[in-house]
Every structure is written in structure tokens, then in C-alpha cells.
Amino acid sequence: MFKHSVMTVAIAAAFALPLSAGAAESPELAAIRAQIQEMKQSYEARLQALEQRLQDAQAAVAEAQNAAASAQQANAPAAPAAPAPAAPTTAAAGDNSFNPSISLVLGGTFSNLSQDPSTYRFGGFMPPVGEVGPGSRSFNLGESELTMAANIDPMFAGQLTFALTGENEASVEEAFVRTRELGGGTNVKAGRFLSGVGYLNAQHSHTWDFVDAPLAYQAFFGGQYKPDGVQVRWLAPFNTFLEVGAEVGSGRSFPGNDRNKNGFNATSVFAHAGDDIGDSASWRAGLSYLRTGAADRAYEFDGIPNAFSGKSSIWMADAVYKWAPNGNPTRTNFKLQGEYMRRKESGTLAAGELADAYASTQSGWYLQGVYQFMPNWRAGLRFDRLSSGTPFIGLVDSGALGMDAFPALVRYKPQRSSVMLDWSPSEFSRLRLQFARDEARPGQTDNQVYLQYIMSLGAHAGHTF
């Protein structure tokens, strides 16, 4: 009997204990469930609020697009309504849309010249306008360049380059907008830019292999040809590099000048082709043509004023060959480049109150080779030559004036030989020693010695071939 009673109590206790425990946890579980339910309601309310804001924003955009389309239809009723352009996203516009990359190139020279640089000229040529001659003696700040560039949106990019000279002058070297990709290999550039004619013209001076520009560039372009205008380039979809371009401009850049005339006052076309030769060499060659004009382009020589009015056209041929073992230029490499220029001018030439017909055919060329014989060290040799030809001067031919009225145009062939050695501790710095024997002035030899530094700071775009 006692055993049965104990068993009964044990069984009852075994079933009764869980029930009592469950009855004790019910308030806590209820509280947790209540908190979860409260959080769910809170999140649902916030989600609903966000969804409502999204719907309102979409409705506002649609309303703005409809308003723009209606306005466009009102302004151009005959044309079909064009879809509103999609707003560019930040990612599509580029990482630096509102933060242009800025680069600064600092340059300076120490010059030792055996002849007075103020008397520098090219014998047989009308004195050009621009950056001509060896510069000043002693220390010179040289030309520094400040460049800002960025993508504007998915379609356009822009660049501005200031040239700061040692004479405390600032000028706009380049300021242009360009398309990023029009499709089919075509792109357009508008503003002021370095023309695509020739080879060296499109390169900034701090990338040159010698301190100064070839004599032909100085005599025919006044340094470099930088038109204000529009340029169109087309890159052919071939395995071999082929590029064709055309430019129209205001015609104010030398050898033209400001003629106060509407329309396209200067035109140029160019074509370049290139390819690899095995694994270690490559080449590029091109042809260019520039046509412009001048009105009363004045110059004065030995106190005698003259002025040319007429047309000026220049043909250019350029070629570049590069060699680097297995395509790796870091240790040794070699570059050979040359350009030939031929200019024809026809019109009238005035001396004082008299004026008559004028025609000339002048040419110039240079050939240079630069060899990197060990890492960071290069040596180069350049030879320049100009030919003034024999111009036709109506006032002289008719006997109205003698050749002494045009002393700058007496037939001559200026020439120069240059040798240089430079050291580049990195891609951002370069030190150069250059010696030149310059015979641009008739009967005078100018021995020129330069020490030059070029330092690059900040982001900088890659250089061309």
C-alpha cells in the first residue's frame, strides 16, 4: 500500500512540475513576443515611409521630364519630341568629375651664349612671331606649365594649360573641350590646342628631347602652331595604326595673323600611320598640310619696316623610329626622328608707302637621334637646316627699290648642330646639359651651352608616341 502511494505521488509530481514551469515562463515569452511585434510594426512603418518618398521622387522626375518635353515641342513644333536625356550618374561621369586632376611642370635653364641674343634672327627669312631664339643669358626661369583636366560628363572632357614664363607673363597654352568617344573612332576637339600637324608640334615643350625647338618650327610656326578652332580626328579600325585629322581655325596663329575676318581663316589636314617591326621596334610616319593667310604682317629689320599680305601654305613630312630590346625601354632604347617642312607664300610685300608682288618657297628640316645607353641616362645629337630660297620681290624686280630695302631676305641657309646629355632620376625629374653651334645669323657663330631642369608635380597624362 505504501509503495503504491509513493508511486502515485512520484508520477503526479513528474507531470505537475513541467506544467508549473510553463506557467512561470509565460509572462516572459509574452513580453518577448510583444517586443518582436513592436519592432516589426516599427520597421514596416519606416519601409512604408521610404516607399512613399520613392514614389514621390519618381513622380517629380516624371513631371519634370514631361514639362521639358512639352517645352521642347512648343519651341520646335515641326520636329518630333525627343526623349529627355538621362541625368548622368556620378559613377558614369568619372571619379574626378568635380575634382580636376592638376599637374605642374617646373622648368629653368642656365644659358651661356657667345653672341648677343637680342640680335638673333634667321638669315633670309622674315622674322617670325613667337618663341624664337636661344633665350636670355645666365639664369632663366624658363616656361612652367600648369594643367587642369577632368571628365565633364560621359560625353565630354576638358583641359586647361597655362604657360608661365620667366618674364612674369601668363598665357593660355591650351584650353579645349573634347568628346570622349563619338563612336566609329571619331573624336572632336574645340578651343585652343596644339595642332596635330607634324610630329613634334602636338607635344608640350617639357617632353622634347632638346632644350629648344628645331629651327624649322621656330621659323615657320614661331615655336609651335596653336590654333583657336575645331579639330576632328578619325582612328581607323585596323591592326596598323592609321589616323586622319582636319582642323579649321581663326587664322590668328603665325604664319597667319588677325585679319578681322569671319569664317574659317586657316585649315589643316594630317594623316599618320605606324606599326611594329618585330618585338623590338616600331615606327610612325605622317604628312600634313596647313593653309592660312596674313594681312599687313609687319616686321622691322635694321630700322626698315616691311609688311606682308597674302597666302601661306606649309607641307610637312615626319617620321619616327623607336627601338627597345624586346619592347622594354627601361634599360636601353633608341629614337630617331626627323621632319621636313616646305612653305610657300605669295601676295604683296610693302616697304613704306610702296608695295608690289611677292612670292617665296622656303624649306627646313631636322634630324635627331637619342640613345639611352643605361637606365636614366640618355645622349642625343641633332642637326637643323633652313633654306631661304630666292624670293621674288616685285619692288626689286621692277627697279623701284634695291635689295637693301629688304636686308632680312638676302639669301641664306641657317644651320645648327646640337648635342645633349640628360639624366632622369625618375619619370618626374630630368636634368640636361646641351651644347649647340648655331649659325642662324649670317657670318656669326653662336656657341650655346645650356643647363636645364624639368620637374613634374601632380597627376600628369601619358605622353604620345
Protein backbone atom coordinates (compact mmCIF):
# COMPACT_ATOMS: atom_id res chain seq x y z
CA MET A 1 0.00 0.00 0.00
CA PHE A 2 2.84 2.37 0.89
CA LYS A 3 4.61 1.52 -2.35
CA HIS A 4 1.52 2.33 -4.39
CA SER A 5 1.13 5.69 -2.58
CA VAL A 6 4.74 6.68 -3.24
CA MET A 7 4.48 5.70 -6.89
CA THR A 8 1.32 7.72 -7.30
CA VAL A 9 2.89 10.82 -5.76
CA ALA A 10 6.01 10.50 -7.93
CA ILE A 11 4.02 10.21 -11.14
CA ALA A 12 1.86 13.16 -10.16
CA ALA A 13 4.93 15.20 -9.34
CA ALA A 14 6.58 14.28 -12.66
CA PHE A 15 3.60 15.59 -14.67
CA ALA A 16 2.88 18.54 -12.43
CA LEU A 17 6.45 20.05 -12.49
CA PRO A 18 6.59 20.91 -16.22
CA LEU A 19 3.13 22.46 -16.11
CA SER A 20 4.11 24.68 -13.24
CA ALA A 21 7.37 25.68 -15.02
CA GLY A 22 5.46 26.52 -18.25
CA ALA A 23 3.03 28.59 -16.25
CA ALA A 24 6.05 30.53 -14.78
CA GLU A 25 7.70 31.32 -18.26
CA SER A 26 4.52 32.57 -19.97
CA PRO A 27 4.88 36.28 -18.97
CA GLU A 28 8.50 36.46 -20.21
CA LEU A 29 7.64 34.83 -23.51
CA ALA A 30 4.74 37.13 -23.89
CA ALA A 31 6.97 40.12 -23.32
CA ILE A 32 9.46 38.94 -25.95
CA ARG A 33 6.70 38.32 -28.44
CA ALA A 34 5.36 41.77 -27.76
CA GLN A 35 8.76 43.38 -28.37
CA ILE A 36 9.18 41.48 -31.63
CA GLN A 37 5.75 42.54 -32.77
CA GLU A 38 6.52 46.14 -31.88
CA MET A 39 9.76 46.09 -33.85
CA LYS A 40 8.03 44.56 -36.87
CA GLN A 41 5.43 47.30 -36.81
CA SER A 42 8.11 49.95 -36.48
CA TYR A 43 10.13 48.63 -39.46
CA GLU A 44 7.00 48.24 -41.55
CA ALA A 45 6.11 51.84 -40.86
CA ARG A 46 9.57 53.04 -41.83
CA LEU A 47 9.56 50.93 -45.00
CA GLN A 48 6.21 52.34 -45.96
CA ALA A 49 7.53 55.86 -45.41
CA LEU A 50 10.57 55.21 -47.61
CA GLU A 51 8.42 53.66 -50.32
CA GLN A 52 6.20 56.72 -50.26
CA ARG A 53 9.23 59.05 -50.62
CA LEU A 54 10.49 56.97 -53.55
CA GLN A 55 7.14 57.19 -55.28
CA ASP A 56 7.01 60.96 -54.72
CA ALA A 57 10.54 61.40 -56.16
CA GLN A 58 9.72 59.30 -59.22
CA ALA A 59 6.58 61.29 -59.77
CA ALA A 60 8.53 64.57 -59.56
CA VAL A 61 11.10 63.36 -62.12
CA ALA A 62 8.36 62.23 -64.48
CA GLU A 63 6.62 65.56 -64.12
CA ALA A 64 9.86 67.45 -64.89
CA GLN A 65 10.52 65.28 -67.95
CA ASN A 66 7.00 65.85 -69.21
CA ALA A 67 7.39 69.60 -68.71
CA ALA A 68 10.71 69.58 -70.61
CA ALA A 69 9.19 67.57 -73.44
CA SER A 70 6.23 69.95 -73.62
CA ALA A 71 8.53 72.96 -73.73
CA GLN A 72 10.63 71.36 -76.46
CA GLN A 73 7.53 70.63 -78.50
CA ALA A 74 6.38 74.23 -78.07
CA ASN A 75 9.73 75.56 -79.30
CA ALA A 76 10.03 73.18 -82.23
CA PRO A 77 6.56 72.15 -83.30
CA ALA A 78 7.68 70.71 -86.62
CA ALA A 79 10.20 68.36 -85.04
CA PRO A 80 9.23 65.21 -83.18
CA ALA A 81 9.59 65.34 -79.44
CA ALA A 82 12.95 63.98 -78.36
CA PRO A 83 13.21 61.91 -75.20
CA ALA A 84 14.66 63.73 -72.25
CA PRO A 85 18.32 62.81 -71.75
CA ALA A 86 19.06 60.67 -68.76
CA ALA A 87 20.78 62.51 -65.94
CA PRO A 88 24.43 61.44 -65.73
CA THR A 89 25.25 59.44 -62.67
CA THR A 90 28.30 60.20 -60.62
CA ALA A 91 29.92 56.92 -61.49
CA ALA A 92 29.33 57.40 -65.20
CA ALA A 93 30.77 60.89 -65.17
CA GLY A 94 34.07 59.72 -63.81
CA ASP A 95 35.71 59.72 -60.44
CA ASN A 96 37.12 63.24 -60.89
CA SER A 97 34.04 65.00 -62.26
CA PHE A 98 34.22 67.66 -59.56
CA ASN A 99 37.88 67.28 -58.72
CA PRO A 100 40.06 68.04 -61.81
CA SER A 101 43.49 66.49 -61.86
CA ILE A 102 46.16 69.19 -61.54
CA SER A 103 49.73 68.93 -62.73
CA LEU A 104 52.58 71.40 -62.64
CA VAL A 105 55.76 71.30 -64.68
CA LEU A 106 58.63 73.49 -63.49
CA GLY A 107 61.45 74.31 -65.84
CA GLY A 108 64.51 76.50 -65.81
CA THR A 109 67.84 76.94 -67.58
CA PHE A 110 71.26 78.43 -67.15
CA SER A 111 72.48 79.69 -70.53
CA ASN A 112 75.90 80.71 -71.75
CA LEU A 113 75.71 82.33 -75.21
CA SER A 114 78.69 83.62 -77.16
CA GLN A 115 76.52 86.05 -79.21
CA ASP A 116 74.09 88.73 -78.06
CA PRO A 117 70.66 87.02 -78.05
CA SER A 118 68.91 90.32 -78.83
CA THR A 119 70.40 90.21 -82.36
CA TYR A 120 69.18 86.67 -83.09
CA ARG A 121 67.45 86.09 -86.44
CA PHE A 122 67.18 83.60 -89.28
CA GLY A 123 69.11 84.89 -92.28
CA GLY A 124 66.94 85.02 -95.42
CA PHE A 125 63.62 84.80 -93.52
CA MET A 126 61.04 87.33 -92.38
CA PRO A 127 61.34 87.48 -88.57
CA PRO A 128 58.66 85.14 -87.15
CA VAL A 129 56.35 85.97 -84.26
CA GLY A 130 56.53 83.76 -81.18
CA GLU A 131 59.09 81.81 -79.15
CA VAL A 132 62.20 82.28 -81.25
CA GLY A 133 65.88 82.26 -80.41
CA PRO A 134 68.09 80.95 -77.64
CA GLY A 135 66.52 82.99 -74.84
CA SER A 136 68.38 85.18 -72.39
CA ARG A 137 71.82 84.70 -70.89
CA SER A 138 72.55 83.46 -67.36
CA PHE A 139 69.75 82.03 -65.18
CA ASN A 140 66.26 81.85 -66.68
CA LEU A 141 63.09 80.60 -65.09
CA GLY A 142 62.04 79.02 -68.35
CA GLU A 143 58.49 78.02 -69.14
CA SER A 144 56.39 76.39 -66.44
CA GLU A 145 53.08 74.70 -67.23
CA LEU A 146 50.02 74.40 -65.02
CA THR A 147 47.44 71.94 -66.32
CA MET A 148 43.96 71.11 -65.05
CA ALA A 149 41.96 68.35 -66.72
CA ALA A 150 38.86 66.30 -65.97
CA ASN A 151 35.96 64.46 -67.49
CA ILE A 152 32.91 66.73 -67.70
CA ASP A 153 30.27 64.05 -68.18
CA PRO A 154 30.03 60.73 -70.04
CA MET A 155 30.39 62.58 -73.35
CA PHE A 156 32.90 65.43 -72.82
CA ALA A 157 36.25 66.10 -71.18
CA GLY A 158 38.15 69.37 -70.79
CA GLN A 159 41.69 70.65 -70.23
CA LEU A 160 43.32 73.99 -69.47
CA THR A 161 47.08 74.56 -69.60
CA PHE A 162 48.70 77.84 -68.58
CA ALA A 163 52.21 78.69 -69.72
CA LEU A 164 54.08 80.81 -67.18
CA THR A 165 57.25 82.48 -68.39
CA GLY A 166 60.22 83.92 -66.62
CA GLU A 167 59.17 87.40 -67.77
CA ASN A 168 56.17 87.18 -65.39
CA GLU A 169 53.79 86.55 -68.26
CA ALA A 170 50.96 84.03 -68.25
CA SER A 171 49.34 82.79 -71.42
CA VAL A 172 46.86 80.09 -72.36
CA GLU A 173 48.82 77.26 -73.90
CA GLU A 174 45.76 75.09 -74.41
CA ALA A 175 42.10 75.38 -73.38
CA PHE A 176 39.77 72.92 -75.03
CA VAL A 177 36.86 70.56 -74.64
CA ARG A 178 36.81 67.25 -76.44
CA THR A 179 34.47 64.37 -76.93
CA ARG A 180 35.36 61.19 -75.12
CA GLU A 181 34.03 58.82 -77.77
CA LEU A 182 31.67 59.71 -80.58
CA GLY A 183 31.79 56.21 -81.98
CA GLY A 184 33.47 54.79 -85.04
CA GLY A 185 36.88 56.04 -83.89
CA THR A 186 35.93 59.71 -84.34
CA ASN A 187 36.51 62.49 -81.81
CA VAL A 188 36.20 66.27 -81.87
CA LYS A 189 38.20 68.91 -80.00
CA ALA A 190 37.27 72.61 -79.78
CA GLY A 191 39.08 75.58 -78.27
CA ARG A 192 42.81 76.33 -78.36
CA PHE A 193 45.04 73.30 -78.81
CA LEU A 194 48.39 72.13 -80.16
CA SER A 195 47.74 71.27 -83.77
CA GLY A 196 48.11 67.68 -84.95
CA VAL A 197 50.29 68.67 -87.91
CA GLY A 198 53.75 67.12 -87.95
CA TYR A 199 55.19 65.12 -85.09
CA LEU A 200 56.73 67.47 -82.52
CA ASN A 201 54.04 70.16 -82.75
CA ALA A 202 51.47 68.24 -80.69
CA GLN A 203 53.89 67.69 -77.80
CA HIS A 204 54.42 70.05 -74.88
CA SER A 205 57.92 71.51 -74.69
CA HIS A 206 58.85 69.69 -71.48
CA THR A 207 58.65 66.38 -73.41
CA TRP A 208 61.13 67.47 -76.07
CA ASP A 209 64.49 65.74 -76.25
CA PHE A 210 66.37 69.03 -76.56
CA VAL A 211 66.11 72.35 -74.74
CA ASP A 212 64.67 74.25 -77.71
CA ALA A 213 62.51 73.66 -80.78
CA PRO A 214 64.07 72.83 -84.17
CA LEU A 215 64.89 75.85 -86.33
CA ALA A 216 62.16 74.91 -88.83
CA TYR A 217 59.49 75.08 -86.09
CA GLN A 218 60.78 78.47 -84.97
CA ALA A 219 60.99 79.93 -88.49
CA PHE A 220 57.66 78.62 -89.83
CA PHE A 221 55.48 78.45 -86.68
CA GLY A 222 57.18 80.81 -84.25
CA GLY A 223 57.69 77.76 -81.99
CA GLN A 224 54.50 75.71 -82.21
CA TYR A 225 51.27 76.07 -84.16
CA LYS A 226 48.36 76.53 -81.71
CA PRO A 227 45.12 77.45 -83.48
CA ASP A 228 41.84 78.56 -81.95
CA GLY A 229 39.34 76.34 -83.71
CA VAL A 230 37.98 72.83 -84.10
CA GLN A 231 39.80 69.59 -84.73
CA VAL A 232 38.31 66.28 -85.94
CA ARG A 233 40.29 63.04 -85.71
CA TRP A 234 39.40 59.62 -87.05
CA LEU A 235 41.23 56.47 -85.98
CA ALA A 236 40.84 53.65 -88.48
CA PRO A 237 39.75 50.25 -87.06
CA PHE A 238 42.82 48.47 -88.48
CA ASN A 239 45.59 46.50 -86.86
CA THR A 240 48.00 49.01 -88.38
CA PHE A 241 47.79 52.46 -86.80
CA LEU A 242 46.15 54.93 -89.18
CA GLU A 243 44.90 58.33 -88.11
CA VAL A 244 43.38 61.12 -90.22
CA GLY A 245 42.51 64.58 -88.98
CA ALA A 246 41.38 68.02 -90.08
CA GLU A 247 41.33 71.41 -88.37
CA VAL A 248 39.75 74.79 -89.04
CA GLY A 249 40.73 77.88 -87.10
CA SER A 250 40.66 81.62 -86.77
CA GLY A 251 43.97 82.03 -88.62
CA ARG A 252 45.47 84.28 -85.94
CA SER A 253 48.42 81.97 -85.20
CA PHE A 254 51.68 82.62 -87.05
CA PRO A 255 52.29 82.46 -90.02
CA GLY A 256 48.78 83.94 -90.12
CA ASN A 257 47.59 86.94 -88.15
CA ASP A 258 44.35 88.61 -87.14
CA ARG A 259 42.57 89.66 -90.34
CA ASN A 260 39.28 90.75 -88.73
CA LYS A 261 37.52 88.28 -90.97
CA ASN A 262 34.60 85.89 -90.42
CA GLY A 263 34.70 82.20 -91.24
CA PHE A 264 37.47 79.64 -91.33
CA ASN A 265 40.70 81.58 -91.88
CA ALA A 266 43.06 78.63 -91.52
CA THR A 267 42.70 74.98 -92.45
CA SER A 268 44.95 72.00 -91.97
CA VAL A 269 44.80 68.27 -92.62
CA PHE A 270 47.10 65.49 -91.47
CA ALA A 271 47.47 61.72 -91.68
CA HIS A 272 49.69 59.44 -89.62
CA ALA A 273 50.40 55.73 -89.97
CA GLY A 274 52.53 53.39 -87.88
CA ASP A 275 53.19 49.81 -86.89
CA ASP A 276 55.55 47.48 -85.05
CA ILE A 277 58.63 45.88 -86.58
CA GLY A 278 59.06 42.64 -84.68
CA ASP A 279 59.13 42.75 -80.89
CA SER A 280 61.75 45.46 -80.50
CA ALA A 281 60.96 48.27 -82.93
CA SER A 282 58.12 50.48 -84.13
CA TRP A 283 57.64 53.40 -86.49
CA ARG A 284 55.30 56.24 -87.33
CA ALA A 285 55.20 58.49 -90.39
CA GLY A 286 52.91 61.27 -91.49
CA LEU A 287 52.02 64.00 -93.95
CA SER A 288 50.44 67.34 -93.06
CA TYR A 289 49.26 70.46 -94.87
CA LEU A 290 48.44 73.89 -93.46
CA ARG A 291 46.92 76.82 -95.33
CA THR A 292 46.43 80.24 -93.77
CA GLY A 293 46.83 83.91 -94.62
CA ALA A 294 48.12 87.21 -93.33
CA ALA A 295 47.17 90.86 -93.69
CA ASP A 296 49.85 93.50 -93.09
CA ARG A 297 52.03 91.04 -91.14
CA ALA A 298 54.62 93.61 -90.17
CA TYR A 299 58.25 93.22 -89.24
CA GLU A 300 61.18 95.56 -88.86
CA PHE A 301 64.81 94.81 -89.55
CA ASP A 302 67.73 97.26 -89.27
CA GLY A 303 65.16 100.00 -88.74
CA ILE A 304 63.40 99.28 -92.07
CA PRO A 305 59.68 98.40 -91.73
CA ASN A 306 58.12 95.87 -94.10
CA ALA A 307 54.72 94.13 -94.20
CA PHE A 308 53.47 91.03 -95.98
CA SER A 309 49.89 90.36 -97.07
CA GLY A 310 48.83 87.15 -98.79
CA LYS A 311 48.56 83.39 -98.52
CA SER A 312 50.85 80.98 -96.73
CA SER A 313 50.83 77.22 -97.14
CA ILE A 314 53.09 74.63 -95.49
CA TRP A 315 53.67 70.99 -96.33
CA MET A 316 55.19 68.74 -93.67
CA ALA A 317 56.55 65.19 -93.68
CA ASP A 318 57.55 63.47 -90.45
CA ALA A 319 58.92 60.07 -89.45
CA VAL A 320 59.85 58.45 -86.14
CA TYR A 321 61.58 55.13 -85.46
CA LYS A 322 61.89 53.65 -81.97
CA TRP A 323 63.86 50.65 -80.79
CA ALA A 324 63.90 48.91 -77.41
CA PRO A 325 65.12 45.35 -76.75
CA ASN A 326 62.05 43.09 -76.63
CA GLY A 327 59.88 46.19 -76.29
CA ASN A 328 61.31 47.05 -72.87
CA PRO A 329 62.72 50.63 -72.94
CA THR A 330 63.69 50.84 -69.27
CA ARG A 331 67.35 49.89 -69.70
CA THR A 332 68.29 50.87 -73.24
CA ASN A 333 66.36 52.35 -76.14
CA PHE A 334 66.88 54.47 -79.23
CA LYS A 335 64.74 57.03 -81.04
CA LEU A 336 65.36 58.53 -84.47
CA GLN A 337 63.08 61.29 -85.69
CA GLY A 338 63.06 63.85 -88.45
CA GLU A 339 60.72 66.34 -90.12
CA TYR A 340 60.77 68.29 -93.35
CA MET A 341 58.79 71.50 -93.91
CA ARG A 342 58.24 73.47 -97.11
CA ARG A 343 56.46 76.83 -97.08
CA LYS A 344 55.12 78.84 -100.00
CA GLU A 345 53.98 82.42 -99.58
CA SER A 346 52.50 84.69 -102.23
CA GLY A 347 50.91 88.10 -102.08
CA THR A 348 52.29 91.61 -101.71
CA LEU A 349 55.26 92.98 -99.81
CA ALA A 350 55.28 96.59 -98.73
CA ALA A 351 58.19 98.86 -97.88
CA GLY A 352 56.99 102.20 -96.60
CA GLU A 353 54.38 103.55 -99.00
CA LEU A 354 55.35 101.20 -101.82
CA ALA A 355 54.01 97.68 -102.32
CA ASP A 356 54.28 95.07 -105.04
CA ALA A 357 54.06 91.32 -105.65
CA TYR A 358 55.99 88.84 -103.51
CA ALA A 359 56.48 85.07 -103.74
CA SER A 360 58.82 82.71 -101.94
CA THR A 361 59.44 79.00 -101.43
CA GLN A 362 61.39 78.20 -98.28
CA SER A 363 62.18 74.92 -96.55
CA GLY A 364 63.69 73.48 -93.42
CA TRP A 365 64.37 70.14 -91.79
CA TYR A 366 65.96 68.49 -88.81
CA LEU A 367 67.15 65.01 -87.94
CA GLN A 368 67.89 63.84 -84.42
CA GLY A 369 68.77 60.65 -82.62
CA VAL A 370 68.55 59.98 -78.88
CA TYR A 371 70.08 56.88 -77.28
CA GLN A 372 69.51 55.71 -73.72
CA PHE A 373 72.75 53.83 -73.08
CA MET A 374 71.97 52.87 -69.47
CA PRO A 375 69.00 53.32 -67.12
CA ASN A 376 68.17 57.02 -66.60
CA TRP A 377 70.95 58.29 -68.90
CA ARG A 378 70.47 59.46 -72.49
CA ALA A 379 72.60 61.15 -75.11
CA GLY A 380 71.35 62.86 -78.26
CA LEU A 381 72.53 64.55 -81.44
CA ARG A 382 70.50 66.91 -83.66
CA PHE A 383 71.17 68.77 -86.88
CA ASP A 384 68.93 71.60 -88.19
CA ARG A 385 68.95 73.40 -91.51
CA LEU A 386 66.87 76.06 -93.23
CA SER A 387 66.89 77.24 -96.84
CA SER A 388 65.56 80.71 -97.61
CA GLY A 389 65.49 80.19 -101.38
CA THR A 390 65.48 83.25 -103.61
CA PRO A 391 62.23 85.18 -103.16
CA PHE A 392 60.58 87.15 -105.94
CA ILE A 393 60.22 90.77 -104.77
CA GLY A 394 58.31 92.91 -107.22
CA LEU A 395 59.72 96.20 -105.94
CA VAL A 396 63.26 94.91 -106.50
CA ASP A 397 62.46 93.23 -109.81
CA SER A 398 60.94 96.44 -111.18
CA GLY A 399 63.86 98.52 -110.01
CA ALA A 400 61.74 100.66 -107.70
CA LEU A 401 63.89 99.63 -104.71
CA GLY A 402 67.14 97.83 -104.16
CA MET A 403 67.69 94.67 -102.16
CA ASP A 404 69.00 96.89 -99.35
CA ALA A 405 65.34 97.74 -98.65
CA PHE A 406 64.81 94.09 -97.66
CA PRO A 407 68.00 93.09 -95.81
CA ALA A 408 66.26 90.27 -93.91
CA LEU A 409 65.51 88.46 -97.18
CA VAL A 410 69.03 88.15 -98.54
CA ARG A 411 69.51 84.50 -99.50
CA TYR A 412 71.00 82.38 -96.70
CA LYS A 413 70.94 78.86 -95.24
CA PRO A 414 70.88 78.88 -91.43
CA GLN A 415 72.03 75.71 -89.68
CA ARG A 416 72.70 74.39 -86.19
CA SER A 417 74.27 71.33 -84.60
CA SER A 418 73.31 70.27 -81.07
CA VAL A 419 74.44 67.57 -78.68
CA MET A 420 72.85 66.81 -75.33
CA LEU A 421 73.20 64.55 -72.29
CA ASP A 422 70.39 64.15 -69.78
CA TRP A 423 69.80 62.27 -66.55
CA SER A 424 66.34 61.35 -65.27
CA PRO A 425 66.38 60.03 -61.68
CA SER A 426 62.69 59.24 -62.13
CA GLU A 427 59.90 59.85 -64.61
CA PHE A 428 59.15 63.11 -62.76
CA SER A 429 62.55 64.81 -62.97
CA ARG A 430 65.20 65.44 -65.60
CA LEU A 431 68.49 67.35 -65.70
CA ARG A 432 70.03 68.17 -69.08
CA LEU A 433 73.30 69.54 -70.44
CA GLN A 434 73.23 70.76 -74.05
CA PHE A 435 75.73 72.39 -76.36
CA ALA A 436 74.77 73.89 -79.73
CA ARG A 437 76.71 75.55 -82.51
CA ASP A 438 74.17 77.93 -84.02
CA GLU A 439 74.79 79.59 -87.41
CA ALA A 440 71.36 81.13 -87.98
CA ARG A 441 72.82 84.64 -88.38
CA PRO A 442 74.91 85.28 -91.49
CA GLY A 443 78.60 85.46 -90.66
CA GLN A 444 78.15 84.72 -86.95
CA THR A 445 78.52 81.52 -84.96
CA ASP A 446 76.80 81.35 -81.62
CA ASN A 447 78.15 78.73 -79.22
CA GLN A 448 75.35 77.95 -76.80
CA VAL A 449 75.61 75.99 -73.55
CA TYR A 450 72.51 75.13 -71.52
CA LEU A 451 71.91 73.53 -68.17
CA GLN A 452 68.23 72.68 -67.80
CA TYR A 453 65.97 71.18 -65.16
CA ILE A 454 62.45 69.85 -65.71
CA MET A 455 60.35 68.75 -62.73
CA SER A 456 56.82 67.38 -62.86
CA LEU A 457 54.42 67.56 -59.93
CA GLY A 458 50.97 66.05 -59.59
CA ALA A 459 48.89 63.91 -61.88
CA HIS A 460 50.01 64.03 -65.48
CA ALA A 461 48.56 62.45 -68.60
CA GLY A 462 50.60 59.97 -70.60
CA HIS A 463 52.69 61.27 -73.48
CA THR A 464 52.09 60.41 -77.09
CA PHE A 465 54.24 58.04 -79.18
